[in-house]
Amino acid sequence: MPDMRKPRDYDTELQALNDKAKQLRTRKQTQLGVLVIATGADALGLEILAGVLLAAISNNDPLRKEAWRNRGAAFFQGSTKARRSAGKDAGGTQAIDPNTQPAAGTAGTA
């Protein structure tokens, strides 16, 4: 007797994948919103926040990106000091303008 399998319902499988993708997009949007609020960036105007993010995306300085990565890692590690100072910077502008170069001797602190 041949093995009779139930035919796959591709439409149902595709719909399930689409639903899962939608859930993932929604979760990502929620997490980004939580991040904006947790860092205090929600205090910035939308145009400023968009400008800062666009400047960060277009920045090709690997040292600057590494400094941002380190700062972000400290934030996520739960450092209370890092979270309180998330929107602040000793230079006063690096946290707002990703293209601002750090003062001499502070390259790793931005």
Protein backbone atom coordinates (compact mmCIF):
# COMPACT_ATOMS: atom_id res chain seq x y z
CA MET A 1 0.00 0.00 0.00
CA PRO A 2 1.56 3.34 -1.05
CA ASP A 3 2.21 6.01 1.56
CA MET A 4 -0.52 8.63 1.13
CA ARG A 5 0.47 11.97 2.56
CA LYS A 6 -1.80 14.87 3.03
CA PRO A 7 -0.99 17.49 0.40
CA ARG A 8 0.69 20.64 1.72
CA ASP A 9 -1.47 23.68 2.00
CA TYR A 10 0.94 26.28 0.64
CA ASP A 11 -1.53 29.11 1.01
CA THR A 12 -1.94 28.44 4.73
CA GLU A 13 1.83 28.09 5.20
CA LEU A 14 2.45 31.33 3.33
CA GLN A 15 -0.17 33.13 5.40
CA ALA A 16 1.44 31.82 8.60
CA LEU A 17 4.85 33.10 7.43
CA ASN A 18 3.36 36.49 6.56
CA ASP A 19 1.70 36.68 9.98
CA LYS A 20 5.00 35.82 11.67
CA ALA A 21 6.84 38.48 9.64
CA LYS A 22 4.22 41.05 10.64
CA GLN A 23 4.62 40.10 14.31
CA LEU A 24 8.40 40.48 14.03
CA ARG A 25 8.08 43.91 12.38
CA THR A 26 5.65 45.05 15.07
CA ARG A 27 7.96 43.78 17.81
CA LYS A 28 10.93 45.56 16.25
CA GLN A 29 8.99 48.83 16.04
CA THR A 30 7.94 48.49 19.67
CA GLN A 31 11.50 47.76 20.79
CA LEU A 32 12.81 50.78 18.87
CA GLY A 33 10.19 52.97 20.52
CA VAL A 34 11.14 51.63 23.95
CA LEU A 35 14.80 52.31 23.16
CA VAL A 36 14.08 55.89 22.11
CA ILE A 37 12.22 56.48 25.37
CA ALA A 38 14.76 54.66 27.56
CA THR A 39 17.64 56.74 26.18
CA GLY A 40 15.73 59.98 26.62
CA ALA A 41 15.80 60.63 22.87
CA ASP A 42 12.03 61.14 22.94
CA ALA A 43 12.79 64.59 24.38
CA LEU A 44 14.30 65.58 21.02
CA GLY A 45 12.07 66.88 18.27
CA LEU A 46 11.25 64.38 15.55
CA GLU A 47 13.25 66.33 12.98
CA ILE A 48 16.32 66.38 15.25
CA LEU A 49 16.02 62.70 16.07
CA ALA A 50 15.64 61.83 12.38
CA GLY A 51 18.63 64.03 11.54
CA VAL A 52 20.80 62.39 14.19
CA LEU A 53 19.90 58.91 12.96
CA LEU A 54 20.51 59.85 9.34
CA ALA A 55 23.88 61.35 10.26
CA ALA A 56 24.80 58.17 12.14
CA ILE A 57 23.88 56.01 9.16
CA SER A 58 25.98 58.09 6.78
CA ASN A 59 28.99 58.28 9.12
CA ASN A 60 31.81 56.07 7.82
CA ASP A 61 34.33 56.69 10.62
CA PRO A 62 35.04 53.26 12.15
CA LEU A 63 36.49 54.81 15.33
CA ARG A 64 33.36 56.89 15.85
CA LYS A 65 31.12 53.86 15.25
CA GLU A 66 33.16 51.79 17.71
CA ALA A 67 32.82 54.52 20.32
CA TRP A 68 29.04 54.54 19.77
CA ARG A 69 28.95 50.74 19.98
CA ASN A 70 30.85 50.79 23.28
CA ARG A 71 28.53 53.41 24.68
CA GLY A 72 25.49 51.41 23.56
CA ALA A 73 26.91 48.21 25.04
CA ALA A 74 27.40 49.96 28.39
CA PHE A 75 23.80 51.16 28.20
CA PHE A 76 22.48 47.65 27.58
CA GLN A 77 24.66 46.12 30.28
CA GLY A 78 22.48 47.97 32.72
CA SER A 79 24.96 50.51 33.95
CA THR A 80 22.86 53.02 35.89
CA LYS A 81 25.43 55.69 35.18
CA ALA A 82 25.32 54.91 31.44
CA ARG A 83 21.52 55.04 31.40
CA ARG A 84 21.35 58.32 33.31
CA SER A 85 23.88 59.90 30.98
CA ALA A 86 22.49 58.32 27.80
CA GLY A 87 21.45 61.65 26.33
CA LYS A 88 24.27 63.64 27.88
CA ASP A 89 27.87 63.95 26.93
CA ALA A 90 30.87 65.65 28.47
CA GLY A 91 31.36 67.55 25.22
CA GLY A 92 27.71 68.57 25.19
CA THR A 93 27.09 67.86 21.50
CA GLN A 94 28.24 64.37 20.58
CA ALA A 95 25.07 62.76 21.92
CA ILE A 96 23.00 65.01 19.68
CA ASP A 97 25.24 65.28 16.60
CA PRO A 98 26.77 61.95 15.54
CA ASN A 99 29.14 63.70 13.12
CA THR A 100 30.72 65.91 15.74
CA GLN A 101 34.29 64.84 16.30
CA PRO A 102 35.35 64.32 19.92
CA ALA A 103 37.74 66.70 21.59
CA ALA A 104 41.36 65.59 21.69
CA GLY A 105 41.87 62.73 24.12
CA THR A 106 38.16 61.79 24.31
CA ALA A 107 37.79 59.62 21.21
CA GLY A 108 36.75 56.54 23.17
CA THR A 109 34.25 58.27 25.43
CA ALA A 110 31.61 59.46 23.00
